[in-house]
Amino acid sequence: MSVSAIADSVRVSPMGRSNALVKLLGALLITVVLVVSADPVTSGLALLGQLVLLAAAGQKPLRLLVTLWPITVAALISGWGTAMLSPEGGTELVNLGWITVTTGSLAAGAAIALRGLAIALPGITVLLTTDPTDLADGLAQTLRLPERFVLASLAALRLVEVMVKEWSVLASARRARGAGNDHGPVGTAKEFGGQAFTLLVQSLRRATRLAMTMEARGFGAGKRTWARVPHYGRVDLYTAGAAVLIALGALGVSLLLGTHRFIWQ
């Protein structure tokens, strides 16, 4: 399943219908707790809570992690690197001369991998379940942020969706032309680099056209009015409660178990 298909299915769920600003503030709360914490219990519980929340929204969490494989792979690589380089002691598990993995270093690596996934997932959830226009309405009318910042954020979020779809189009076009038939790590890296460079060039061109179009239509020239007024209801209360429960619940359990550790400790 593609990212765009996941977004379309999640946005019709109760979490997708909740207010965009509530989801953003909830994601920020979870992220702050995870950023200041460096123990596996807090990260693991927060990650588990987010996966349960996605499952309640009608998604299959494991399929989502497979679809978003670059983030999953990055988290696993960071965890493995920490396990190899961490000075934590314990029982020796692997000794290859210049590589030594102990139970302590393996626990540290697992904590980093879980923390990376748990920090990335709130932003991904907000991005998948939120219409950019709804978020812009909340930022402008509820938080009273500057209009130029709000409109720039709206344009950026819209372009994220466009770039995701364009990446799939570029991949299909290259396969139709016979490009990318090389196998192995080198061929895969060359294919990825070429496709990424093409997407970068097209993104710069689109950004230039968008900036000129917005300036021609008077964006940022004066006071603006807003067509839609954000509303808050019971589903927003449930979403906010779930975010608070995930953030403070993970922190509270780790404190009760005595395993919590701040990043500066």
Protein backbone atom coordinates (compact mmCIF):
# COMPACT_ATOMS: atom_id res chain seq x y z
CA MET A 1 0.00 0.00 0.00
CA SER A 2 1.32 3.46 -0.92
CA VAL A 3 1.67 6.37 1.49
CA SER A 4 -1.07 8.33 -0.30
CA ALA A 5 -3.46 5.38 -0.03
CA ILE A 6 -2.74 5.11 3.70
CA ALA A 7 -3.41 8.83 4.14
CA ASP A 8 -6.73 8.58 2.29
CA SER A 9 -7.91 5.70 4.48
CA VAL A 10 -6.76 7.21 7.79
CA ARG A 11 -8.37 10.62 7.19
CA VAL A 12 -11.87 9.13 7.21
CA SER A 13 -11.27 7.54 10.64
CA PRO A 14 -12.26 9.28 13.92
CA MET A 15 -8.66 10.35 14.46
CA GLY A 16 -8.54 11.73 10.94
CA ARG A 17 -11.69 13.77 11.62
CA SER A 18 -10.36 15.28 14.85
CA ASN A 19 -9.05 18.84 14.85
CA ALA A 20 -5.64 19.25 13.24
CA LEU A 21 -4.31 21.55 15.96
CA VAL A 22 -5.25 19.07 18.70
CA LYS A 23 -3.31 16.34 16.90
CA LEU A 24 -0.32 18.63 16.41
CA LEU A 25 -0.17 19.65 20.08
CA GLY A 26 -0.58 16.01 21.15
CA ALA A 27 2.27 14.96 18.87
CA LEU A 28 4.45 17.73 20.30
CA LEU A 29 3.73 16.55 23.85
CA ILE A 30 4.72 12.97 23.02
CA THR A 31 7.83 14.17 21.19
CA VAL A 32 8.98 16.37 24.09
CA VAL A 33 8.69 13.46 26.54
CA LEU A 34 10.68 11.19 24.21
CA VAL A 35 13.35 13.79 23.45
CA VAL A 36 14.21 14.29 27.12
CA SER A 37 14.08 10.55 27.91
CA ALA A 38 16.72 8.00 26.97
CA ASP A 39 15.51 4.73 28.49
CA PRO A 40 13.94 1.83 26.57
CA VAL A 41 10.84 1.58 28.79
CA THR A 42 9.61 5.12 28.05
CA SER A 43 10.38 4.79 24.33
CA GLY A 44 8.90 1.30 24.07
CA LEU A 45 5.66 2.17 25.86
CA ALA A 46 5.22 5.37 23.86
CA LEU A 47 5.82 3.48 20.62
CA LEU A 48 3.36 0.76 21.66
CA GLY A 49 0.73 3.35 22.54
CA GLN A 50 1.09 5.06 19.17
CA LEU A 51 0.81 1.76 17.31
CA VAL A 52 -2.36 0.93 19.26
CA LEU A 53 -3.75 4.36 18.37
CA LEU A 54 -3.03 3.76 14.69
CA ALA A 55 -4.67 0.34 14.92
CA ALA A 56 -7.74 2.01 16.42
CA ALA A 57 -7.74 4.33 13.39
CA GLY A 58 -8.11 1.31 11.12
CA GLN A 59 -4.47 0.85 10.17
CA LYS A 60 -2.18 -2.15 10.39
CA PRO A 61 0.85 -0.80 12.29
CA LEU A 62 3.32 -3.38 10.98
CA ARG A 63 2.29 -2.72 7.38
CA LEU A 64 2.72 1.00 8.02
CA LEU A 65 6.26 0.47 9.31
CA VAL A 66 7.04 -1.60 6.21
CA THR A 67 5.60 1.08 3.93
CA LEU A 68 7.69 3.72 5.71
CA TRP A 69 10.75 1.49 5.50
CA PRO A 70 13.39 4.29 5.28
CA ILE A 71 12.49 5.46 8.79
CA THR A 72 12.41 1.90 10.13
CA VAL A 73 15.77 1.08 8.55
CA ALA A 74 17.30 4.32 9.88
CA ALA A 75 16.14 3.49 13.40
CA LEU A 76 17.55 -0.06 13.18
CA ILE A 77 20.89 1.19 11.83
CA SER A 78 21.19 3.76 14.62
CA GLY A 79 20.39 1.09 17.18
CA TRP A 80 22.93 -1.35 15.74
CA GLY A 81 25.62 1.35 15.62
CA THR A 82 24.96 2.22 19.25
CA ALA A 83 25.12 -1.44 20.24
CA MET A 84 28.55 -1.80 18.61
CA LEU A 85 30.03 1.46 19.96
CA SER A 86 28.37 1.79 23.35
CA PRO A 87 30.72 1.38 26.35
CA GLU A 88 27.93 -0.21 28.43
CA GLY A 89 29.06 -3.37 30.22
CA GLY A 90 27.41 -6.69 30.88
CA THR A 91 27.75 -10.20 29.54
CA GLU A 92 29.67 -10.40 26.28
CA LEU A 93 27.53 -11.62 23.39
CA VAL A 94 29.68 -10.97 20.28
CA ASN A 95 33.41 -10.44 20.05
CA LEU A 96 34.87 -9.96 16.58
CA GLY A 97 38.00 -8.17 17.66
CA TRP A 98 37.13 -4.58 16.85
CA ILE A 99 33.41 -5.22 17.40
CA THR A 100 32.18 -6.18 20.86
CA VAL A 101 28.51 -6.41 21.77
CA THR A 102 27.45 -6.94 25.38
CA THR A 103 24.05 -7.16 27.01
CA GLY A 104 24.44 -3.56 28.18
CA SER A 105 25.37 -2.20 24.76
CA LEU A 106 22.59 -4.22 23.14
CA ALA A 107 20.08 -2.69 25.58
CA ALA A 108 21.42 0.78 24.76
CA GLY A 109 21.07 0.08 21.04
CA ALA A 110 17.52 -1.16 21.50
CA ALA A 111 16.69 1.99 23.44
CA ILE A 112 18.02 4.20 20.64
CA ALA A 113 16.13 2.26 17.94
CA LEU A 114 12.85 2.39 19.87
CA ARG A 115 13.37 6.06 20.64
CA GLY A 116 13.99 6.88 16.99
CA LEU A 117 10.81 5.14 15.85
CA ALA A 118 8.76 6.61 18.70
CA ILE A 119 9.95 10.15 17.92
CA ALA A 120 9.28 9.82 14.19
CA LEU A 121 5.81 8.29 14.50
CA PRO A 122 3.91 11.32 15.96
CA GLY A 123 4.90 13.55 13.06
CA ILE A 124 4.07 10.82 10.55
CA THR A 125 0.67 10.29 12.19
CA VAL A 126 -0.15 14.00 12.03
CA LEU A 127 0.97 14.15 8.40
CA LEU A 128 -1.10 11.12 7.36
CA THR A 129 -4.27 12.04 9.24
CA THR A 130 -4.38 15.80 8.68
CA ASP A 131 -5.56 17.92 5.81
CA PRO A 132 -3.05 20.80 5.46
CA THR A 133 -5.83 23.36 5.08
CA ASP A 134 -7.37 22.32 8.42
CA LEU A 135 -4.01 22.70 10.11
CA ALA A 136 -3.51 26.15 8.57
CA ASP A 137 -6.94 27.24 9.82
CA GLY A 138 -6.03 26.17 13.35
CA LEU A 139 -2.63 27.85 13.30
CA ALA A 140 -4.04 31.13 12.00
CA GLN A 141 -7.35 31.39 13.87
CA THR A 142 -6.65 29.57 17.15
CA LEU A 143 -2.95 30.21 17.77
CA ARG A 144 -3.00 33.54 15.89
CA LEU A 145 0.29 32.85 14.14
CA PRO A 146 1.50 35.25 11.40
CA GLU A 147 -0.27 34.77 8.10
CA ARG A 148 2.94 34.55 6.09
CA PHE A 149 4.18 31.67 8.26
CA VAL A 150 0.82 29.87 8.08
CA LEU A 151 0.54 30.14 4.30
CA ALA A 152 4.15 29.00 3.84
CA SER A 153 3.48 25.99 6.08
CA LEU A 154 0.32 25.18 4.13
CA ALA A 155 2.20 25.30 0.81
CA ALA A 156 4.99 23.11 2.22
CA LEU A 157 2.58 20.46 3.50
CA ARG A 158 0.74 20.41 0.19
CA LEU A 159 4.03 19.90 -1.64
CA VAL A 160 4.91 16.95 0.61
CA GLU A 161 1.89 15.06 -0.70
CA VAL A 162 2.75 16.07 -4.27
CA MET A 163 6.35 14.90 -3.88
CA VAL A 164 5.26 11.51 -2.50
CA LYS A 165 3.02 10.93 -5.51
CA GLU A 166 5.65 12.27 -7.92
CA TRP A 167 8.24 9.85 -6.54
CA SER A 168 5.98 6.96 -7.55
CA VAL A 169 5.42 8.51 -10.98
CA LEU A 170 9.17 8.94 -11.51
CA ALA A 171 9.82 5.33 -10.50
CA SER A 172 7.20 4.07 -12.97
CA ALA A 173 8.55 6.30 -15.76
CA ARG A 174 12.13 5.11 -15.22
CA ARG A 175 11.05 1.47 -15.27
CA ALA A 176 9.09 2.07 -18.48
CA ARG A 177 12.26 3.47 -20.10
CA GLY A 178 14.31 0.50 -18.94
CA ALA A 179 16.30 2.41 -16.34
CA GLY A 180 17.08 0.90 -12.97
CA ASN A 181 17.58 -2.67 -14.14
CA ASP A 182 20.95 -2.96 -12.38
CA HIS A 183 20.82 -5.22 -9.37
CA GLY A 184 22.91 -5.16 -6.24
CA PRO A 185 23.74 -2.38 -3.75
CA VAL A 186 25.66 -0.23 -6.26
CA GLY A 187 22.90 -0.35 -8.87
CA THR A 188 20.23 0.36 -6.27
CA ALA A 189 22.20 3.33 -4.93
CA LYS A 190 22.68 4.74 -8.45
CA GLU A 191 18.99 4.34 -9.20
CA PHE A 192 17.99 6.03 -5.94
CA GLY A 193 20.44 8.89 -6.49
CA GLY A 194 19.25 9.54 -10.05
CA GLN A 195 15.60 9.51 -9.06
CA ALA A 196 16.23 11.73 -6.03
CA PHE A 197 18.14 14.27 -8.17
CA THR A 198 15.27 14.37 -10.68
CA LEU A 199 12.78 14.95 -7.89
CA LEU A 200 14.97 17.71 -6.44
CA VAL A 201 15.11 19.57 -9.77
CA GLN A 202 11.36 19.30 -10.26
CA SER A 203 10.73 20.45 -6.67
CA LEU A 204 12.87 23.56 -7.14
CA ARG A 205 11.03 24.43 -10.34
CA ARG A 206 7.66 23.91 -8.69
CA ALA A 207 8.65 26.00 -5.67
CA THR A 208 9.70 28.88 -7.94
CA ARG A 209 6.41 28.77 -9.85
CA LEU A 210 4.44 28.56 -6.63
CA ALA A 211 6.21 31.57 -5.12
CA MET A 212 5.57 33.68 -8.23
CA THR A 213 1.91 32.59 -8.34
CA MET A 214 1.29 33.39 -4.67
CA GLU A 215 2.92 36.80 -5.05
CA ALA A 216 0.82 37.56 -8.15
CA ARG A 217 -2.36 36.69 -6.24
CA GLY A 218 -1.52 39.01 -3.35
CA PHE A 219 -0.51 36.51 -0.67
CA GLY A 220 1.23 38.36 2.15
CA ALA A 221 0.19 41.79 0.85
CA GLY A 222 -2.21 42.58 3.70
CA LYS A 223 -4.76 41.34 6.20
CA ARG A 224 -6.43 38.11 5.13
CA THR A 225 -9.79 36.58 5.88
CA TRP A 226 -10.40 32.87 6.41
CA ALA A 227 -13.20 30.94 4.77
CA ARG A 228 -13.47 28.16 7.35
CA VAL A 229 -13.67 28.36 11.14
CA PRO A 230 -12.09 25.43 13.06
CA HIS A 231 -14.47 23.53 15.34
CA TYR A 232 -13.75 21.37 18.37
CA GLY A 233 -15.85 18.42 19.52
CA ARG A 234 -15.89 15.23 21.54
CA VAL A 235 -13.54 13.38 19.19
CA ASP A 236 -10.93 16.06 19.83
CA LEU A 237 -11.21 15.40 23.55
CA TYR A 238 -10.61 11.70 22.95
CA THR A 239 -7.59 12.43 20.73
CA ALA A 240 -6.08 14.83 23.28
CA GLY A 241 -6.70 12.33 26.09
CA ALA A 242 -4.99 9.55 24.12
CA ALA A 243 -1.93 11.74 23.49
CA VAL A 244 -1.68 12.73 27.16
CA LEU A 245 -2.13 9.11 28.23
CA ILE A 246 0.62 7.91 25.89
CA ALA A 247 3.10 10.63 26.90
CA LEU A 248 2.52 10.79 30.65
CA GLY A 249 1.70 7.08 30.94
CA ALA A 250 5.02 6.01 29.41
CA LEU A 251 6.89 8.52 31.57
CA GLY A 252 5.03 7.53 34.74
CA VAL A 253 5.54 3.77 34.29
CA SER A 254 9.28 4.19 33.70
CA LEU A 255 9.55 6.40 36.81
CA LEU A 256 7.66 3.85 38.91
CA LEU A 257 9.89 1.04 37.67
CA GLY A 258 13.00 3.11 38.33
CA THR A 259 14.27 2.71 34.77
CA HIS A 260 13.74 6.28 33.57
CA ARG A 261 16.83 8.18 32.51
CA PHE A 262 17.02 11.73 31.18
CA ILE A 263 19.34 12.44 28.27
CA TRP A 264 21.62 14.54 30.49
CA GLN A 265 22.10 11.79 33.07
